[in-house]
Amino acid sequence: MGLTRSAIEAMAPDQSALTAASALLKPAKWPVRARSGGLI
């Protein structure tokens, strides 16, 4: 499952939430990623 900008835009309730979510797309924010069932 990949999070694309368009998927994030569809889920964001407003522009400030979209701005905050966009900052989380930076790989440096996630040094380790893992998946467990439906959770990432």
PDB file of N, CA and C in Angstrom:
ATOM      1  N   MET A   1       0.848  -1.183   0.000  1.00  0.00           N
ATOM      2  CA  MET A   1       0.000   0.000   0.000  1.00  0.00           C
ATOM      3  C   MET A   1       0.882   1.231   0.000  1.00  0.00           C
ATOM      4  N   GLY A   2       0.713   2.068  -0.980  1.00  0.00           N
ATOM      5  CA  GLY A   2       1.472   3.303  -1.023  1.00  0.00           C
ATOM      6  C   GLY A   2       0.555   4.491  -0.798  1.00  0.00           C
ATOM      7  N   LEU A   3       1.030   5.449  -0.066  1.00  0.00           N
ATOM      8  CA  LEU A   3       0.269   6.671   0.121  1.00  0.00           C
ATOM      9  C   LEU A   3       0.724   7.682  -0.913  1.00  0.00           C
ATOM     10  N   THR A   4      -0.165   8.050  -1.771  1.00  0.00           N
ATOM     11  CA  THR A   4       0.139   9.059  -2.773  1.00  0.00           C
ATOM     12  C   THR A   4      -0.427  10.391  -2.306  1.00  0.00           C
ATOM     13  N   ARG A   5       0.033  11.446  -2.932  1.00  0.00           N
ATOM     14  CA  ARG A   5      -0.484  12.771  -2.582  1.00  0.00           C
ATOM     15  C   ARG A   5      -1.991  12.835  -2.817  1.00  0.00           C
ATOM     16  N   SER A   6      -2.465  12.243  -3.901  1.00  0.00           N
ATOM     17  CA  SER A   6      -3.902  12.292  -4.181  1.00  0.00           C
ATOM     18  C   SER A   6      -4.710  11.526  -3.122  1.00  0.00           C
ATOM     19  N   ALA A   7      -4.166  10.417  -2.606  1.00  0.00           N
ATOM     20  CA  ALA A   7      -4.845   9.672  -1.547  1.00  0.00           C
ATOM     21  C   ALA A   7      -4.903  10.498  -0.268  1.00  0.00           C
ATOM     22  N   ILE A   8      -3.827  11.180   0.047  1.00  0.00           N
ATOM     23  CA  ILE A   8      -3.788  12.033   1.239  1.00  0.00           C
ATOM     24  C   ILE A   8      -4.759  13.195   1.084  1.00  0.00           C
ATOM     25  N   GLU A   9      -4.789  13.806  -0.112  1.00  0.00           N
ATOM     26  CA  GLU A   9      -5.714  14.914  -0.352  1.00  0.00           C
ATOM     27  C   GLU A   9      -7.163  14.469  -0.163  1.00  0.00           C
ATOM     28  N   ALA A  10      -7.477  13.262  -0.569  1.00  0.00           N
ATOM     29  CA  ALA A  10      -8.838  12.752  -0.433  1.00  0.00           C
ATOM     30  C   ALA A  10      -9.220  12.539   1.031  1.00  0.00           C
ATOM     31  N   MET A  11      -8.251  12.231   1.895  1.00  0.00           N
ATOM     32  CA  MET A  11      -8.526  11.970   3.305  1.00  0.00           C
ATOM     33  C   MET A  11      -8.434  13.212   4.180  1.00  0.00           C
ATOM     34  N   ALA A  12      -7.741  14.245   3.728  1.00  0.00           N
ATOM     35  CA  ALA A  12      -7.507  15.430   4.557  1.00  0.00           C
ATOM     36  C   ALA A  12      -8.790  16.244   4.725  1.00  0.00           C
ATOM     37  N   PRO A  13      -9.153  16.571   5.967  1.00  0.00           N
ATOM     38  CA  PRO A  13     -10.372  17.345   6.188  1.00  0.00           C
ATOM     39  C   PRO A  13     -10.239  18.825   5.825  1.00  0.00           C
ATOM     40  N   ASP A  14      -8.999  19.351   5.824  1.00  0.00           N
ATOM     41  CA  ASP A  14      -8.788  20.758   5.476  1.00  0.00           C
ATOM     42  C   ASP A  14      -7.341  20.966   5.042  1.00  0.00           C
ATOM     43  N   GLN A  15      -7.016  22.190   4.634  1.00  0.00           N
ATOM     44  CA  GLN A  15      -5.685  22.489   4.097  1.00  0.00           C
ATOM     45  C   GLN A  15      -4.592  22.333   5.150  1.00  0.00           C
ATOM     46  N   SER A  16      -4.857  22.704   6.398  1.00  0.00           N
ATOM     47  CA  SER A  16      -3.819  22.574   7.425  1.00  0.00           C
ATOM     48  C   SER A  16      -3.483  21.110   7.683  1.00  0.00           C
ATOM     49  N   ALA A  17      -4.485  20.245   7.636  1.00  0.00           N
ATOM     50  CA  ALA A  17      -4.237  18.810   7.798  1.00  0.00           C
ATOM     51  C   ALA A  17      -3.437  18.283   6.618  1.00  0.00           C
ATOM     52  N   LEU A  18      -3.741  18.763   5.419  1.00  0.00           N
ATOM     53  CA  LEU A  18      -3.009  18.347   4.231  1.00  0.00           C
ATOM     54  C   LEU A  18      -1.546  18.779   4.310  1.00  0.00           C
ATOM     55  N   THR A  19      -1.307  19.976   4.772  1.00  0.00           N
ATOM     56  CA  THR A  19       0.066  20.467   4.927  1.00  0.00           C
ATOM     57  C   THR A  19       0.832  19.616   5.932  1.00  0.00           C
ATOM     58  N   ALA A  20       0.212  19.291   7.053  1.00  0.00           N
ATOM     59  CA  ALA A  20       0.860  18.462   8.068  1.00  0.00           C
ATOM     60  C   ALA A  20       1.128  17.061   7.535  1.00  0.00           C
ATOM     61  N   ALA A  21       0.170  16.492   6.814  1.00  0.00           N
ATOM     62  CA  ALA A  21       0.348  15.150   6.262  1.00  0.00           C
ATOM     63  C   ALA A  21       1.444  15.128   5.199  1.00  0.00           C
ATOM     64  N   SER A  22       1.521  16.170   4.400  1.00  0.00           N
ATOM     65  CA  SER A  22       2.539  16.233   3.354  1.00  0.00           C
ATOM     66  C   SER A  22       3.945  16.204   3.945  1.00  0.00           C
ATOM     67  N   ALA A  23       4.108  16.822   5.103  1.00  0.00           N
ATOM     68  CA  ALA A  23       5.412  16.813   5.762  1.00  0.00           C
ATOM     69  C   ALA A  23       5.807  15.396   6.171  1.00  0.00           C
ATOM     70  N   LEU A  24       4.817  14.545   6.443  1.00  0.00           N
ATOM     71  CA  LEU A  24       5.100  13.175   6.856  1.00  0.00           C
ATOM     72  C   LEU A  24       5.505  12.276   5.692  1.00  0.00           C
ATOM     73  N   LEU A  25       5.371  12.744   4.465  1.00  0.00           N
ATOM     74  CA  LEU A  25       5.776  11.949   3.305  1.00  0.00           C
ATOM     75  C   LEU A  25       7.289  11.878   3.141  1.00  0.00           C
ATOM     76  N   LYS A  26       8.017  12.736   3.832  1.00  0.00           N
ATOM     77  CA  LYS A  26       9.475  12.760   3.704  1.00  0.00           C
ATOM     78  C   LYS A  26      10.070  11.489   4.305  1.00  0.00           C
ATOM     79  N   PRO A  27      10.863  10.753   3.525  1.00  0.00           N
ATOM     80  CA  PRO A  27      11.454   9.505   4.023  1.00  0.00           C
ATOM     81  C   PRO A  27      12.267   9.674   5.311  1.00  0.00           C
ATOM     82  N   ALA A  28      12.849  10.851   5.519  1.00  0.00           N
ATOM     83  CA  ALA A  28      13.655  11.080   6.724  1.00  0.00           C
ATOM     84  C   ALA A  28      12.806  10.994   7.992  1.00  0.00           C
ATOM     85  N   LYS A  29      11.508  11.217   7.880  1.00  0.00           N
ATOM     86  CA  LYS A  29      10.613  11.125   9.036  1.00  0.00           C
ATOM     87  C   LYS A  29      10.363   9.681   9.454  1.00  0.00           C
ATOM     88  N   TRP A  30      10.668   8.731   8.578  1.00  0.00           N
ATOM     89  CA  TRP A  30      10.358   7.324   8.815  1.00  0.00           C
ATOM     90  C   TRP A  30      11.606   6.466   8.592  1.00  0.00           C
ATOM     91  N   PRO A  31      12.554   6.465   9.538  1.00  0.00           N
ATOM     92  CA  PRO A  31      13.775   5.676   9.346  1.00  0.00           C
ATOM     93  C   PRO A  31      13.492   4.176   9.269  1.00  0.00           C
ATOM     94  N   VAL A  32      12.424   3.727   9.924  1.00  0.00           N
ATOM     95  CA  VAL A  32      12.047   2.309   9.895  1.00  0.00           C
ATOM     96  C   VAL A  32      10.548   2.246   9.621  1.00  0.00           C
ATOM     97  N   ARG A  33      10.192   1.455   8.608  1.00  0.00           N
ATOM     98  CA  ARG A  33       8.778   1.256   8.324  1.00  0.00           C
ATOM     99  C   ARG A  33       8.466  -0.222   8.419  1.00  0.00           C
ATOM    100  N   ALA A  34       7.306  -0.544   8.946  1.00  0.00           N
ATOM    101  CA  ALA A  34       6.894  -1.928   9.068  1.00  0.00           C
ATOM    102  C   ALA A  34       5.389  -2.025   8.848  1.00  0.00           C
ATOM    103  N   ARG A  35       4.938  -3.210   8.526  1.00  0.00           N
ATOM    104  CA  ARG A  35       3.519  -3.457   8.303  1.00  0.00           C
ATOM    105  C   ARG A  35       3.079  -4.621   9.159  1.00  0.00           C
ATOM    106  N   SER A  36       1.932  -4.454   9.818  1.00  0.00           N
ATOM    107  CA  SER A  36       1.343  -5.538  10.608  1.00  0.00           C
ATOM    108  C   SER A  36      -0.143  -5.560  10.286  1.00  0.00           C
ATOM    109  N   GLY A  37      -0.557  -6.531   9.512  1.00  0.00           N
ATOM    110  CA  GLY A  37      -1.955  -6.565   9.074  1.00  0.00           C
ATOM    111  C   GLY A  37      -2.275  -5.346   8.238  1.00  0.00           C
ATOM    112  N   GLY A  38      -3.268  -4.569   8.639  1.00  0.00           N
ATOM    113  CA  GLY A  38      -3.640  -3.365   7.918  1.00  0.00           C
ATOM    114  C   GLY A  38      -2.956  -2.120   8.408  1.00  0.00           C
ATOM    115  N   LEU A  39      -2.088  -2.251   9.414  1.00  0.00           N
ATOM    116  CA  LEU A  39      -1.388  -1.096   9.965  1.00  0.00           C
ATOM    117  C   LEU A  39       0.001  -0.966   9.400  1.00  0.00           C
ATOM    118  N   ILE A  40       0.417   0.263   9.222  1.00  0.00           N
ATOM    119  CA  ILE A  40       1.786   0.514   8.749  1.00  0.00           C
ATOM    120  C   ILE A  40       2.547   1.227   9.846  1.00  0.00           C
TER     121      ILE A  40
END
